[in-house]
């Protein structure tokens, strides 16, 4: 990671100072959902689930080898949108995500940052490709439900609305009566950045390692942190 400069701090301060509403991606900025119940294993299980039903040919070789379960789900939905097959596959993924919540690792500084931002009067929402049921389960386990409820916008049966589509961000903004320019999206993937850009929402990238940071900057993100600690320090300074 590169060392933070005074300019970086100014940009971070400007982003945070303007934000009245903060939209959080879930898996990454709030916690590492698949820290122990690995996403790669879940993706493989989804592929095997299809193969046992004689549907191996639905996926390309690249899709079958993807470590991202959401990519597998989207690929099937593109070929059979709205089908019972997609509904079953989505239900299977939700069950795997729920299993993962019990061993999810909180992102360092996320819990106090969420509580502090709430305490100073900002409104928070989750905008994620994960199941909203999974988000609610995790937040309840950390005593954070009141910081977000009822503003949790996750995966629906309309899988073509998964990020990078801005659907979940727009749902959050509309429900909260917030203008895009008064909001801030915190995300850790290019799809988060692209969804924020499409919604007109300023973006703060969380790249916990050099690879994550590179992907975010390559997508176009300009303000990226490798820790939420400077974000927490900045928010505390707003009190």
Protein backbone atom coordinates (compact mmCIF):
# COMPACT_ATOMS: atom_id res chain seq x y z
CA UNK A 1 0.00 0.00 0.00
CA UNK A 2 1.10 3.55 -0.65
CA UNK A 3 1.59 5.93 2.27
CA UNK A 4 -1.26 8.35 2.85
CA UNK A 5 -0.50 11.94 1.91
CA UNK A 6 -1.95 15.23 3.12
CA UNK A 7 -3.90 15.43 -0.13
CA UNK A 8 -5.37 11.97 0.52
CA UNK A 9 -6.50 13.12 3.96
CA UNK A 10 -8.08 16.28 2.50
CA UNK A 11 -9.98 14.25 -0.12
CA UNK A 12 -11.16 11.81 2.54
CA UNK A 13 -12.26 14.66 4.78
CA UNK A 14 -14.18 16.30 1.93
CA UNK A 15 -15.98 13.05 1.06
CA UNK A 16 -16.97 12.38 4.65
CA UNK A 17 -17.85 15.97 5.48
CA UNK A 18 -20.41 16.16 2.66
CA UNK A 19 -22.08 12.82 3.42
CA UNK A 20 -25.43 12.87 5.18
CA UNK A 21 -26.26 9.31 4.15
CA UNK A 22 -23.72 6.48 4.04
CA UNK A 23 -24.38 3.42 1.89
CA UNK A 24 -22.30 0.41 2.88
CA UNK A 25 -21.46 -2.62 0.83
CA UNK A 26 -21.68 -5.55 3.23
CA UNK A 27 -19.10 -8.26 2.49
CA UNK A 28 -15.80 -6.38 2.76
CA UNK A 29 -16.44 -3.02 4.45
CA UNK A 30 -18.67 -4.37 7.25
CA UNK A 31 -17.21 -7.86 7.59
CA UNK A 32 -15.43 -10.64 5.75
CA UNK A 33 -18.45 -12.88 5.31
CA UNK A 34 -16.51 -15.76 3.79
CA UNK A 35 -13.47 -15.51 6.05
CA UNK A 36 -13.72 -19.18 7.03
CA UNK A 37 -16.65 -20.52 5.00
CA UNK A 38 -14.82 -19.79 1.76
CA UNK A 39 -16.57 -18.16 -1.20
CA UNK A 40 -14.49 -20.30 -3.57
CA UNK A 41 -15.93 -23.44 -1.98
CA UNK A 42 -19.46 -22.07 -2.27
CA UNK A 43 -18.93 -21.26 -5.97
CA UNK A 44 -17.65 -24.80 -6.55
CA UNK A 45 -20.67 -26.22 -4.72
CA UNK A 46 -23.03 -24.20 -6.92
CA UNK A 47 -21.34 -25.57 -10.04
CA UNK A 48 -21.53 -29.11 -8.70
CA UNK A 49 -25.20 -28.58 -7.82
CA UNK A 50 -25.85 -27.72 -11.48
CA UNK A 51 -23.79 -30.68 -12.71
CA UNK A 52 -25.78 -33.18 -10.62
CA UNK A 53 -28.85 -31.94 -12.48
CA UNK A 54 -27.21 -32.45 -15.86
CA UNK A 55 -26.78 -28.71 -16.41
CA UNK A 56 -23.01 -28.45 -16.69
CA UNK A 57 -23.38 -27.01 -20.19
CA UNK A 58 -25.14 -23.91 -18.86
CA UNK A 59 -21.79 -22.44 -17.83
CA UNK A 60 -18.67 -21.61 -19.79
CA UNK A 61 -15.37 -23.04 -18.60
CA UNK A 62 -14.44 -19.67 -17.10
CA UNK A 63 -17.73 -19.47 -15.22
CA UNK A 64 -17.30 -23.01 -13.87
CA UNK A 65 -13.86 -22.06 -12.51
CA UNK A 66 -14.90 -18.71 -11.03
CA UNK A 67 -14.32 -18.23 -7.28
CA UNK A 68 -17.31 -15.87 -7.13
CA UNK A 69 -20.67 -17.51 -6.36
CA UNK A 70 -22.52 -14.39 -7.50
CA UNK A 71 -20.94 -14.71 -10.94
CA UNK A 72 -22.23 -18.29 -11.22
CA UNK A 73 -25.71 -17.19 -10.13
CA UNK A 74 -25.80 -14.29 -12.61
CA UNK A 75 -24.59 -16.54 -15.44
CA UNK A 76 -27.47 -18.97 -14.93
CA UNK A 77 -29.97 -16.12 -14.63
CA UNK A 78 -28.83 -14.63 -17.94
CA UNK A 79 -29.69 -17.91 -19.67
CA UNK A 80 -32.87 -18.71 -17.71
CA UNK A 81 -34.11 -15.41 -16.22
CA UNK A 82 -36.81 -15.72 -13.59
CA UNK A 83 -36.88 -19.53 -13.77
CA UNK A 84 -37.46 -22.02 -10.97
CA UNK A 85 -33.86 -23.14 -11.54
CA UNK A 86 -32.55 -19.67 -10.71
CA UNK A 87 -34.83 -19.43 -7.67
CA UNK A 88 -33.50 -22.75 -6.35
CA UNK A 89 -29.90 -21.73 -6.99
CA UNK A 90 -30.42 -18.38 -5.25
CA UNK A 91 -31.98 -20.15 -2.27
CA UNK A 92 -28.98 -22.49 -2.11
CA UNK A 93 -26.60 -19.51 -2.12
CA UNK A 94 -28.58 -17.77 0.62
CA UNK A 95 -28.29 -20.88 2.83
CA UNK A 96 -24.52 -20.92 2.28
CA UNK A 97 -24.27 -17.22 3.11
CA UNK A 98 -26.25 -17.81 6.31
CA UNK A 99 -23.82 -20.59 7.27
CA UNK A 100 -20.97 -18.14 6.72
CA UNK A 101 -22.38 -15.50 9.11
CA UNK A 102 -21.46 -17.56 12.18
CA UNK A 103 -17.76 -17.42 11.26
CA UNK A 104 -17.69 -14.00 9.56
CA UNK A 105 -14.90 -11.69 10.73
CA UNK A 106 -15.78 -8.07 11.52
CA UNK A 107 -13.76 -5.63 9.43
CA UNK A 108 -11.33 -3.81 11.73
CA UNK A 109 -12.79 -0.48 12.93
CA UNK A 110 -16.12 -1.12 11.18
CA UNK A 111 -18.23 -1.56 14.32
CA UNK A 112 -17.06 1.63 16.06
CA UNK A 113 -17.24 3.54 12.78
CA UNK A 114 -20.85 2.46 12.25
CA UNK A 115 -21.78 3.43 15.81
CA UNK A 116 -19.96 6.77 15.64
CA UNK A 117 -21.46 7.77 12.30
CA UNK A 118 -24.90 6.95 13.69
CA UNK A 119 -24.23 8.88 16.89
CA UNK A 120 -23.44 12.11 15.05
CA UNK A 121 -26.70 11.94 13.13
CA UNK A 122 -25.76 10.38 9.80
CA UNK A 123 -28.15 7.81 8.36
CA UNK A 124 -26.77 4.46 7.25
CA UNK A 125 -27.95 1.83 4.80
CA UNK A 126 -26.60 -1.42 3.40
CA UNK A 127 -26.57 -1.84 -0.38
CA UNK A 128 -25.28 -5.29 -1.21
CA UNK A 129 -25.42 -8.27 -3.55
CA UNK A 130 -25.78 -10.55 -0.54
CA UNK A 131 -29.12 -11.72 0.80
CA UNK A 132 -30.77 -9.11 3.06
CA UNK A 133 -31.61 -11.95 5.46
CA UNK A 134 -27.87 -12.61 5.81
CA UNK A 135 -27.14 -8.94 6.50
CA UNK A 136 -29.83 -8.75 9.17
CA UNK A 137 -28.54 -11.92 10.84
CA UNK A 138 -24.98 -10.60 10.98
CA UNK A 139 -25.93 -7.11 12.18
CA UNK A 140 -28.08 -8.60 14.96
CA UNK A 141 -25.13 -10.70 16.11
CA UNK A 142 -23.04 -7.51 16.48
CA UNK A 143 -25.78 -5.39 18.05
CA UNK A 144 -25.78 -3.09 15.02
CA UNK A 145 -29.32 -3.56 13.72
CA UNK A 146 -30.57 -0.21 15.01
CA UNK A 147 -27.81 1.62 13.12
CA UNK A 148 -29.23 0.51 9.78
CA UNK A 149 -32.81 -0.69 10.20
CA UNK A 150 -34.91 -0.66 8.13
CA UNK A 151 -32.51 0.36 5.38
CA UNK A 152 -31.05 -2.95 4.22
CA UNK A 153 -31.16 -3.44 0.45
CA UNK A 154 -29.82 -6.72 -0.81
CA UNK A 155 -30.29 -9.37 -3.46
CA UNK A 156 -33.79 -9.78 -4.87
CA UNK A 157 -35.23 -12.25 -7.37
CA UNK A 158 -34.30 -9.73 -10.10
CA UNK A 159 -30.71 -10.85 -10.42
CA UNK A 160 -30.04 -8.54 -13.34
CA UNK A 161 -30.21 -5.77 -10.72
CA UNK A 162 -27.15 -6.97 -8.84
CA UNK A 163 -24.27 -4.48 -8.73
CA UNK A 164 -22.75 -3.03 -10.88
CA UNK A 165 -26.38 -2.14 -11.61
CA UNK A 166 -27.27 0.78 -9.28
CA UNK A 167 -30.66 -0.68 -8.31
CA UNK A 168 -29.94 -1.32 -4.61
CA UNK A 169 -28.31 2.11 -4.21
CA UNK A 170 -31.28 3.82 -5.84
CA UNK A 171 -33.67 1.90 -3.60
CA UNK A 172 -31.78 3.14 -0.56
CA UNK A 173 -31.65 6.75 -1.75
CA UNK A 174 -35.35 6.79 -2.64
CA UNK A 175 -36.40 5.23 0.68
CA UNK A 176 -34.27 7.69 2.66
CA UNK A 177 -35.25 10.71 0.59
CA UNK A 178 -31.59 11.46 -0.06
CA UNK A 179 -29.99 13.18 -3.02
CA UNK A 180 -27.11 11.19 -4.55
CA UNK A 181 -24.66 14.03 -3.95
CA UNK A 182 -25.43 14.03 -0.22
CA UNK A 183 -24.59 10.34 0.08
CA UNK A 184 -21.39 8.30 0.21
CA UNK A 185 -20.89 4.69 -0.88
CA UNK A 186 -18.24 2.55 0.82
CA UNK A 187 -17.30 -0.51 -1.23
CA UNK A 188 -14.40 -2.84 -1.90
CA UNK A 189 -14.97 -4.03 -5.48
CA UNK A 190 -15.09 -2.46 -8.95
CA UNK A 191 -18.80 -3.37 -9.14
CA UNK A 192 -19.42 -1.23 -6.04
CA UNK A 193 -17.63 1.70 -7.66
CA UNK A 194 -19.48 1.30 -10.96
CA UNK A 195 -22.85 1.11 -9.19
CA UNK A 196 -22.05 4.26 -7.20
CA UNK A 197 -20.97 6.08 -10.35
CA UNK A 198 -24.16 5.06 -12.15
CA UNK A 199 -26.23 6.31 -9.21
CA UNK A 200 -24.29 9.57 -8.99
CA UNK A 201 -23.06 8.79 -5.47
CA UNK A 202 -19.53 9.74 -4.31
CA UNK A 203 -17.41 6.67 -3.60
CA UNK A 204 -14.88 5.67 -0.94
CA UNK A 205 -12.94 2.53 -1.76
CA UNK A 206 -11.84 0.07 0.91
CA UNK A 207 -8.92 -1.97 -0.40
CA UNK A 208 -7.65 -4.15 2.41
CA UNK A 209 -4.67 -5.32 0.35
CA UNK A 210 -2.70 -4.16 -2.68
CA UNK A 211 -4.67 -6.37 -5.07
CA UNK A 212 -8.00 -4.94 -3.90
CA UNK A 213 -6.65 -1.40 -4.11
CA UNK A 214 -5.31 -1.98 -7.62
CA UNK A 215 -8.66 -3.29 -8.87
CA UNK A 216 -10.51 -0.32 -7.38
CA UNK A 217 -8.13 2.26 -8.82
CA UNK A 218 -8.10 0.51 -12.18
CA UNK A 219 -11.91 0.77 -12.25
CA UNK A 220 -11.66 4.52 -11.60
CA UNK A 221 -11.88 4.97 -7.82
CA UNK A 222 -9.71 7.88 -6.70
CA UNK A 223 -10.08 7.79 -2.91
CA UNK A 224 -9.10 4.38 -1.50
CA UNK A 225 -8.11 3.44 2.06
CA UNK A 226 -6.53 0.21 3.23
CA UNK A 227 -8.01 0.57 6.72
CA UNK A 228 -11.16 2.13 8.13
CA UNK A 229 -9.11 3.68 10.95
CA UNK A 230 -8.55 7.03 9.18
CA UNK A 231 -12.24 7.08 8.28
CA UNK A 232 -13.15 6.59 11.95
CA UNK A 233 -10.71 9.34 12.99
CA UNK A 234 -12.21 11.72 10.45
CA UNK A 235 -15.79 10.97 11.51
CA UNK A 236 -14.88 11.46 15.17
CA UNK A 237 -13.54 14.89 14.21
CA UNK A 238 -17.01 15.87 12.95
CA UNK A 239 -18.57 15.69 16.41
